[in-house]
Amino acid sequence: MNLKSQSMHFVYEAMADTLIAWTRDKLAGHDLSMNINPDAPMIVQVGDYGYEVQSCGGDFAHDGFVIMCKEKPVCKWVGQECIKL
């Protein structure tokens, strides 16, 4: 499978949509249990494992935005289920 890499525009739009939905639902007094919590640590999936983001920023040598993850995984995907380690 050859999937297209995503640009910062795509990632930023997804993150902005999450923040907008969280804020709208919180202000309206809705149940937030099914929303993505924007204050929770960000997880990056690599293969079957998820790693917390440690830092991020630009790197001119790679002509793009770089996300640095912690070394140890915090979760594993089994099928469609994410299991905390």
PDB file of N, CA and C in Angstrom:
ATOM      1  N   MET A   1       0.850  -1.170   0.000  1.00  0.00           N
ATOM      2  CA  MET A   1       0.000   0.000   0.000  1.00  0.00           C
ATOM      3  C   MET A   1       0.900   1.239   0.000  1.00  0.00           C
ATOM      4  N   ASN A   2       0.626   2.161  -0.885  1.00  0.00           N
ATOM      5  CA  ASN A   2       1.408   3.391  -0.982  1.00  0.00           C
ATOM      6  C   ASN A   2       0.495   4.581  -0.706  1.00  0.00           C
ATOM      7  N   LEU A   3       0.506   5.065   0.538  1.00  0.00           N
ATOM      8  CA  LEU A   3      -0.349   6.180   0.926  1.00  0.00           C
ATOM      9  C   LEU A   3       0.383   7.503   0.748  1.00  0.00           C
ATOM     10  N   LYS A   4      -0.362   8.522   0.392  1.00  0.00           N
ATOM     11  CA  LYS A   4       0.208   9.855   0.202  1.00  0.00           C
ATOM     12  C   LYS A   4       0.609  10.455   1.554  1.00  0.00           C
ATOM     13  N   SER A   5       1.796  11.033   1.632  1.00  0.00           N
ATOM     14  CA  SER A   5       2.221  11.739   2.842  1.00  0.00           C
ATOM     15  C   SER A   5       1.373  12.985   3.012  1.00  0.00           C
ATOM     16  N   GLN A   6       1.104  13.343   4.257  1.00  0.00           N
ATOM     17  CA  GLN A   6       0.263  14.494   4.542  1.00  0.00           C
ATOM     18  C   GLN A   6       1.115  15.740   4.781  1.00  0.00           C
ATOM     19  N   SER A   7       0.614  16.872   4.347  1.00  0.00           N
ATOM     20  CA  SER A   7       1.304  18.145   4.540  1.00  0.00           C
ATOM     21  C   SER A   7       0.918  18.757   5.879  1.00  0.00           C
ATOM     22  N   MET A   8       1.648  19.798   6.261  1.00  0.00           N
ATOM     23  CA  MET A   8       1.303  20.530   7.486  1.00  0.00           C
ATOM     24  C   MET A   8      -0.091  21.123   7.380  1.00  0.00           C
ATOM     25  N   HIS A   9      -0.511  21.528   6.180  1.00  0.00           N
ATOM     26  CA  HIS A   9      -1.852  22.093   6.016  1.00  0.00           C
ATOM     27  C   HIS A   9      -2.914  21.084   6.438  1.00  0.00           C
ATOM     28  N   PHE A  10      -2.774  19.831   5.994  1.00  0.00           N
ATOM     29  CA  PHE A  10      -3.740  18.801   6.339  1.00  0.00           C
ATOM     30  C   PHE A  10      -3.746  18.538   7.842  1.00  0.00           C
ATOM     31  N   VAL A  11      -2.564  18.386   8.430  1.00  0.00           N
ATOM     32  CA  VAL A  11      -2.452  18.096   9.865  1.00  0.00           C
ATOM     33  C   VAL A  11      -2.998  19.261  10.680  1.00  0.00           C
ATOM     34  N   TYR A  12      -2.637  20.493  10.311  1.00  0.00           N
ATOM     35  CA  TYR A  12      -3.119  21.668  11.039  1.00  0.00           C
ATOM     36  C   TYR A  12      -4.643  21.755  10.972  1.00  0.00           C
ATOM     37  N   GLU A  13      -5.218  21.483   9.811  1.00  0.00           N
ATOM     38  CA  GLU A  13      -6.671  21.559   9.666  1.00  0.00           C
ATOM     39  C   GLU A  13      -7.364  20.530  10.573  1.00  0.00           C
ATOM     40  N   ALA A  14      -6.814  19.312  10.642  1.00  0.00           N
ATOM     41  CA  ALA A  14      -7.395  18.283  11.515  1.00  0.00           C
ATOM     42  C   ALA A  14      -7.294  18.703  12.984  1.00  0.00           C
ATOM     43  N   MET A  15      -6.162  19.287  13.378  1.00  0.00           N
ATOM     44  CA  MET A  15      -5.985  19.729  14.763  1.00  0.00           C
ATOM     45  C   MET A  15      -6.911  20.904  15.078  1.00  0.00           C
ATOM     46  N   ALA A  16      -7.035  21.834  14.145  1.00  0.00           N
ATOM     47  CA  ALA A  16      -7.917  22.987  14.356  1.00  0.00           C
ATOM     48  C   ALA A  16      -9.372  22.531  14.483  1.00  0.00           C
ATOM     49  N   ASP A  17      -9.790  21.574  13.650  1.00  0.00           N
ATOM     50  CA  ASP A  17     -11.160  21.050  13.741  1.00  0.00           C
ATOM     51  C   ASP A  17     -11.414  20.435  15.110  1.00  0.00           C
ATOM     52  N   THR A  18     -10.420  19.735  15.655  1.00  0.00           N
ATOM     53  CA  THR A  18     -10.537  19.120  16.975  1.00  0.00           C
ATOM     54  C   THR A  18     -10.723  20.186  18.047  1.00  0.00           C
ATOM     55  N   LEU A  19      -9.906  21.239  17.998  1.00  0.00           N
ATOM     56  CA  LEU A  19     -10.007  22.320  18.987  1.00  0.00           C
ATOM     57  C   LEU A  19     -11.343  23.049  18.892  1.00  0.00           C
ATOM     58  N   ILE A  20     -11.807  23.275  17.677  1.00  0.00           N
ATOM     59  CA  ILE A  20     -13.084  23.970  17.483  1.00  0.00           C
ATOM     60  C   ILE A  20     -14.229  23.126  18.034  1.00  0.00           C
ATOM     61  N   ALA A  21     -14.234  21.822  17.725  1.00  0.00           N
ATOM     62  CA  ALA A  21     -15.308  20.939  18.208  1.00  0.00           C
ATOM     63  C   ALA A  21     -15.287  20.847  19.728  1.00  0.00           C
ATOM     64  N   TRP A  22     -14.096  20.731  20.318  1.00  0.00           N
ATOM     65  CA  TRP A  22     -13.965  20.631  21.782  1.00  0.00           C
ATOM     66  C   TRP A  22     -14.523  21.900  22.437  1.00  0.00           C
ATOM     67  N   THR A  23     -14.112  23.040  21.939  1.00  0.00           N
ATOM     68  CA  THR A  23     -14.544  24.314  22.515  1.00  0.00           C
ATOM     69  C   THR A  23     -16.046  24.503  22.359  1.00  0.00           C
ATOM     70  N   ARG A  24     -16.568  24.222  21.164  1.00  0.00           N
ATOM     71  CA  ARG A  24     -18.007  24.367  20.914  1.00  0.00           C
ATOM     72  C   ARG A  24     -18.810  23.480  21.851  1.00  0.00           C
ATOM     73  N   ASP A  25     -18.420  22.200  21.957  1.00  0.00           N
ATOM     74  CA  ASP A  25     -19.163  21.261  22.799  1.00  0.00           C
ATOM     75  C   ASP A  25     -19.020  21.598  24.281  1.00  0.00           C
ATOM     76  N   LYS A  26     -17.841  22.049  24.690  1.00  0.00           N
ATOM     77  CA  LYS A  26     -17.632  22.415  26.098  1.00  0.00           C
ATOM     78  C   LYS A  26     -18.498  23.616  26.465  1.00  0.00           C
ATOM     79  N   LEU A  27     -18.519  24.635  25.609  1.00  0.00           N
ATOM     80  CA  LEU A  27     -19.326  25.824  25.880  1.00  0.00           C
ATOM     81  C   LEU A  27     -20.823  25.512  25.884  1.00  0.00           C
ATOM     82  N   ALA A  28     -21.225  24.520  25.085  1.00  0.00           N
ATOM     83  CA  ALA A  28     -22.642  24.150  25.012  1.00  0.00           C
ATOM     84  C   ALA A  28     -23.030  23.194  26.140  1.00  0.00           C
ATOM     85  N   GLY A  29     -22.054  22.767  26.942  1.00  0.00           N
ATOM     86  CA  GLY A  29     -22.350  21.867  28.051  1.00  0.00           C
ATOM     87  C   GLY A  29     -22.556  20.419  27.635  1.00  0.00           C
ATOM     88  N   HIS A  30     -22.075  20.045  26.443  1.00  0.00           N
ATOM     89  CA  HIS A  30     -22.240  18.672  25.960  1.00  0.00           C
ATOM     90  C   HIS A  30     -21.247  17.723  26.630  1.00  0.00           C
ATOM     91  N   ASP A  31     -21.574  16.442  26.584  1.00  0.00           N
ATOM     92  CA  ASP A  31     -20.683  15.390  27.087  1.00  0.00           C
ATOM     93  C   ASP A  31     -19.436  15.350  26.202  1.00  0.00           C
ATOM     94  N   LEU A  32     -18.268  15.481  26.816  1.00  0.00           N
ATOM     95  CA  LEU A  32     -17.016  15.523  26.061  1.00  0.00           C
ATOM     96  C   LEU A  32     -16.302  14.170  26.021  1.00  0.00           C
ATOM     97  N   SER A  33     -16.920  13.116  26.554  1.00  0.00           N
ATOM     98  CA  SER A  33     -16.239  11.827  26.666  1.00  0.00           C
ATOM     99  C   SER A  33     -15.910  11.195  25.318  1.00  0.00           C
ATOM    100  N   MET A  34     -16.612  11.561  24.266  1.00  0.00           N
ATOM    101  CA  MET A  34     -16.334  10.997  22.948  1.00  0.00           C
ATOM    102  C   MET A  34     -15.490  11.936  22.082  1.00  0.00           C
ATOM    103  N   ASN A  35     -15.114  13.088  22.613  1.00  0.00           N
ATOM    104  CA  ASN A  35     -14.281  14.034  21.881  1.00  0.00           C
ATOM    105  C   ASN A  35     -12.804  13.720  22.098  1.00  0.00           C
ATOM    106  N   ILE A  36     -11.961  14.191  21.207  1.00  0.00           N
ATOM    107  CA  ILE A  36     -10.517  14.133  21.401  1.00  0.00           C
ATOM    108  C   ILE A  36     -10.160  15.251  22.363  1.00  0.00           C
ATOM    109  N   ASN A  37      -9.477  14.923  23.447  1.00  0.00           N
ATOM    110  CA  ASN A  37      -9.085  15.922  24.434  1.00  0.00           C
ATOM    111  C   ASN A  37      -7.841  16.647  23.931  1.00  0.00           C
ATOM    112  N   PRO A  38      -7.935  17.944  23.609  1.00  0.00           N
ATOM    113  CA  PRO A  38      -6.774  18.660  23.081  1.00  0.00           C
ATOM    114  C   PRO A  38      -5.664  18.876  24.112  1.00  0.00           C
ATOM    115  N   ASP A  39      -5.931  18.604  25.393  1.00  0.00           N
ATOM    116  CA  ASP A  39      -4.905  18.750  26.426  1.00  0.00           C
ATOM    117  C   ASP A  39      -4.166  17.440  26.709  1.00  0.00           C
ATOM    118  N   ALA A  40      -4.601  16.347  26.117  1.00  0.00           N
ATOM    119  CA  ALA A  40      -3.945  15.044  26.307  1.00  0.00           C
ATOM    120  C   ALA A  40      -2.662  14.991  25.482  1.00  0.00           C
ATOM    121  N   PRO A  41      -1.710  14.153  25.885  1.00  0.00           N
ATOM    122  CA  PRO A  41      -0.485  14.016  25.083  1.00  0.00           C
ATOM    123  C   PRO A  41      -0.807  13.535  23.659  1.00  0.00           C
ATOM    124  N   MET A  42      -0.073  14.054  22.694  1.00  0.00           N
ATOM    125  CA  MET A  42      -0.260  13.643  21.309  1.00  0.00           C
ATOM    126  C   MET A  42       0.495  12.340  21.078  1.00  0.00           C
ATOM    127  N   ILE A  43      -0.145  11.408  20.386  1.00  0.00           N
ATOM    128  CA  ILE A  43       0.433  10.105  20.080  1.00  0.00           C
ATOM    129  C   ILE A  43       0.669  10.014  18.570  1.00  0.00           C
ATOM    130  N   VAL A  44       1.840   9.501  18.188  1.00  0.00           N
ATOM    131  CA  VAL A  44       2.153   9.240  16.789  1.00  0.00           C
ATOM    132  C   VAL A  44       2.220   7.727  16.615  1.00  0.00           C
ATOM    133  N   GLN A  45       1.469   7.210  15.636  1.00  0.00           N
ATOM    134  CA  GLN A  45       1.486   5.771  15.382  1.00  0.00           C
ATOM    135  C   GLN A  45       2.572   5.446  14.372  1.00  0.00           C
ATOM    136  N   VAL A  46       3.437   4.486  14.736  1.00  0.00           N
ATOM    137  CA  VAL A  46       4.464   3.971  13.840  1.00  0.00           C
ATOM    138  C   VAL A  46       4.284   2.462  13.825  1.00  0.00           C
ATOM    139  N   GLY A  47       3.835   1.936  12.716  1.00  0.00           N
ATOM    140  CA  GLY A  47       3.514   0.515  12.658  1.00  0.00           C
ATOM    141  C   GLY A  47       2.376   0.210  13.606  1.00  0.00           C
ATOM    142  N   ASP A  48       2.582  -0.759  14.484  1.00  0.00           N
ATOM    143  CA  ASP A  48       1.537  -1.154  15.435  1.00  0.00           C
ATOM    144  C   ASP A  48       1.633  -0.435  16.770  1.00  0.00           C
ATOM    145  N   TYR A  49       2.612   0.454  16.935  1.00  0.00           N
ATOM    146  CA  TYR A  49       2.849   1.081  18.230  1.00  0.00           C
ATOM    147  C   TYR A  49       2.624   2.589  18.185  1.00  0.00           C
ATOM    148  N   GLY A  50       2.266   3.153  19.356  1.00  0.00           N
ATOM    149  CA  GLY A  50       2.062   4.588  19.491  1.00  0.00           C
ATOM    150  C   GLY A  50       3.092   5.185  20.424  1.00  0.00           C
ATOM    151  N   TYR A  51       3.629   6.337  20.054  1.00  0.00           N
ATOM    152  CA  TYR A  51       4.661   7.027  20.818  1.00  0.00           C
ATOM    153  C   TYR A  51       4.196   8.443  21.121  1.00  0.00           C
ATOM    154  N   GLU A  52       4.457   8.924  22.358  1.00  0.00           N
ATOM    155  CA  GLU A  52       4.113  10.300  22.710  1.00  0.00           C
ATOM    156  C   GLU A  52       5.086  11.261  22.038  1.00  0.00           C
ATOM    157  N   VAL A  53       4.565  12.404  21.623  1.00  0.00           N
ATOM    158  CA  VAL A  53       5.393  13.440  21.023  1.00  0.00           C
ATOM    159  C   VAL A  53       6.167  14.144  22.129  1.00  0.00           C
ATOM    160  N   GLN A  54       7.466  14.280  21.946  1.00  0.00           N
ATOM    161  CA  GLN A  54       8.320  14.971  22.914  1.00  0.00           C
ATOM    162  C   GLN A  54       8.503  16.435  22.527  1.00  0.00           C
ATOM    163  N   SER A  55       8.696  16.695  21.243  1.00  0.00           N
ATOM    164  CA  SER A  55       8.837  18.074  20.770  1.00  0.00           C
ATOM    165  C   SER A  55       8.581  18.111  19.275  1.00  0.00           C
ATOM    166  N   CYS A  56       8.457  19.310  18.754  1.00  0.00           N
ATOM    167  CA  CYS A  56       8.266  19.470  17.317  1.00  0.00           C
ATOM    168  C   CYS A  56       8.757  20.850  16.895  1.00  0.00           C
ATOM    169  N   GLY A  57       9.071  20.963  15.632  1.00  0.00           N
ATOM    170  CA  GLY A  57       9.546  22.230  15.101  1.00  0.00           C
ATOM    171  C   GLY A  57      10.121  22.054  13.716  1.00  0.00           C
ATOM    172  N   GLY A  58      10.619  23.120  13.160  1.00  0.00           N
ATOM    173  CA  GLY A  58      11.148  23.088  11.807  1.00  0.00           C
ATOM    174  C   GLY A  58      12.584  22.618  11.745  1.00  0.00           C
ATOM    175  N   ASP A  59      12.943  22.084  10.609  1.00  0.00           N
ATOM    176  CA  ASP A  59      14.322  21.671  10.362  1.00  0.00           C
ATOM    177  C   ASP A  59      14.629  21.945   8.903  1.00  0.00           C
ATOM    178  N   PHE A  60      15.452  22.942   8.643  1.00  0.00           N
ATOM    179  CA  PHE A  60      15.736  23.356   7.268  1.00  0.00           C
ATOM    180  C   PHE A  60      16.384  22.236   6.459  1.00  0.00           C
ATOM    181  N   ALA A  61      17.126  21.345   7.121  1.00  0.00           N
ATOM    182  CA  ALA A  61      17.796  20.253   6.409  1.00  0.00           C
ATOM    183  C   ALA A  61      16.784  19.267   5.818  1.00  0.00           C
ATOM    184  N   HIS A  62      15.585  19.200   6.421  1.00  0.00           N
ATOM    185  CA  HIS A  62      14.564  18.275   5.934  1.00  0.00           C
ATOM    186  C   HIS A  62      13.431  19.005   5.233  1.00  0.00           C
ATOM    187  N   ASP A  63      13.557  20.315   5.099  1.00  0.00           N
ATOM    188  CA  ASP A  63      12.563  21.129   4.401  1.00  0.00           C
ATOM    189  C   ASP A  63      11.149  20.875   4.910  1.00  0.00           C
ATOM    190  N   GLY A  64      11.009  20.807   6.217  1.00  0.00           N
ATOM    191  CA  GLY A  64       9.671  20.582   6.735  1.00  0.00           C
ATOM    192  C   GLY A  64       9.604  20.580   8.238  1.00  0.00           C
ATOM    193  N   PHE A  65       8.437  20.234   8.713  1.00  0.00           N
ATOM    194  CA  PHE A  65       8.115  20.191  10.129  1.00  0.00           C
ATOM    195  C   PHE A  65       8.537  18.823  10.663  1.00  0.00           C
ATOM    196  N   VAL A  66       9.234  18.806  11.787  1.00  0.00           N
ATOM    197  CA  VAL A  66       9.730  17.558  12.358  1.00  0.00           C
ATOM    198  C   VAL A  66       9.068  17.316  13.706  1.00  0.00           C
ATOM    199  N   ILE A  67       8.568  16.102  13.901  1.00  0.00           N
ATOM    200  CA  ILE A  67       7.975  15.692  15.169  1.00  0.00           C
ATOM    201  C   ILE A  67       8.920  14.683  15.810  1.00  0.00           C
ATOM    202  N   MET A  68       9.398  14.993  17.027  1.00  0.00           N
ATOM    203  CA  MET A  68      10.271  14.077  17.740  1.00  0.00           C
ATOM    204  C   MET A  68       9.443  13.343  18.795  1.00  0.00           C
ATOM    205  N   CYS A  69       9.555  12.023  18.802  1.00  0.00           N
ATOM    206  CA  CYS A  69       8.792  11.204  19.745  1.00  0.00           C
ATOM    207  C   CYS A  69       9.695  10.643  20.833  1.00  0.00           C
ATOM    208  N   LYS A  70       9.075  10.305  21.956  1.00  0.00           N
ATOM    209  CA  LYS A  70       9.790   9.627  23.026  1.00  0.00           C
ATOM    210  C   LYS A  70      10.172   8.223  22.546  1.00  0.00           C
ATOM    211  N   GLU A  71      11.175   7.621  23.183  1.00  0.00           N
ATOM    212  CA  GLU A  71      11.718   6.352  22.704  1.00  0.00           C
ATOM    213  C   GLU A  71      10.816   5.148  22.952  1.00  0.00           C
ATOM    214  N   LYS A  72      10.118   5.116  24.080  1.00  0.00           N
ATOM    215  CA  LYS A  72       9.327   3.939  24.434  1.00  0.00           C
ATOM    216  C   LYS A  72       7.871   4.114  24.006  1.00  0.00           C
ATOM    217  N   PRO A  73       7.289   3.082  23.403  1.00  0.00           N
ATOM    218  CA  PRO A  73       5.879   3.171  23.008  1.00  0.00           C
ATOM    219  C   PRO A  73       4.964   3.210  24.235  1.00  0.00           C
ATOM    220  N   VAL A  74       3.817   3.837  24.081  1.00  0.00           N
ATOM    221  CA  VAL A  74       2.834   3.932  25.172  1.00  0.00           C
ATOM    222  C   VAL A  74       1.584   3.109  24.891  1.00  0.00           C
ATOM    223  N   CYS A  75       1.436   2.648  23.639  1.00  0.00           N
ATOM    224  CA  CYS A  75       0.266   1.848  23.300  1.00  0.00           C
ATOM    225  C   CYS A  75       0.571   0.976  22.089  1.00  0.00           C
ATOM    226  N   LYS A  76      -0.317   0.015  21.860  1.00  0.00           N
ATOM    227  CA  LYS A  76      -0.185  -0.874  20.709  1.00  0.00           C
ATOM    228  C   LYS A  76      -1.560  -1.059  20.084  1.00  0.00           C
ATOM    229  N   TRP A  77      -1.614  -1.025  18.765  1.00  0.00           N
ATOM    230  CA  TRP A  77      -2.863  -1.255  18.059  1.00  0.00           C
ATOM    231  C   TRP A  77      -2.960  -2.726  17.720  1.00  0.00           C
ATOM    232  N   VAL A  78      -4.078  -3.323  18.108  1.00  0.00           N
ATOM    233  CA  VAL A  78      -4.388  -4.700  17.773  1.00  0.00           C
ATOM    234  C   VAL A  78      -5.714  -4.651  17.018  1.00  0.00           C
ATOM    235  N   GLY A  79      -5.650  -4.851  15.716  1.00  0.00           N
ATOM    236  CA  GLY A  79      -6.855  -4.655  14.888  1.00  0.00           C
ATOM    237  C   GLY A  79      -7.195  -3.171  14.907  1.00  0.00           C
ATOM    238  N   GLN A  80      -8.397  -2.843  15.327  1.00  0.00           N
ATOM    239  CA  GLN A  80      -8.828  -1.444  15.419  1.00  0.00           C
ATOM    240  C   GLN A  80      -8.790  -0.916  16.848  1.00  0.00           C
ATOM    241  N   GLU A  81      -8.276  -1.734  17.781  1.00  0.00           N
ATOM    242  CA  GLU A  81      -8.262  -1.345  19.186  1.00  0.00           C
ATOM    243  C   GLU A  81      -6.879  -0.881  19.623  1.00  0.00           C
ATOM    244  N   CYS A  82      -6.855   0.209  20.365  1.00  0.00           N
ATOM    245  CA  CYS A  82      -5.591   0.737  20.928  1.00  0.00           C
ATOM    246  C   CYS A  82      -5.506   0.293  22.377  1.00  0.00           C
ATOM    247  N   ILE A  83      -4.424  -0.409  22.721  1.00  0.00           N
ATOM    248  CA  ILE A  83      -4.248  -0.925  24.070  1.00  0.00           C
ATOM    249  C   ILE A  83      -3.073  -0.206  24.720  1.00  0.00           C
ATOM    250  N   LYS A  84      -3.313   0.434  25.885  1.00  0.00           N
ATOM    251  CA  LYS A  84      -2.240   1.118  26.602  1.00  0.00           C
ATOM    252  C   LYS A  84      -1.241   0.102  27.112  1.00  0.00           C
ATOM    253  N   LEU A  85       0.053   0.441  27.034  1.00  0.00           N
ATOM    254  CA  LEU A  85       1.103  -0.453  27.539  1.00  0.00           C
ATOM    255  C   LEU A  85       1.447  -0.104  28.973  1.00  0.00           C
TER     256      LEU A  85
END
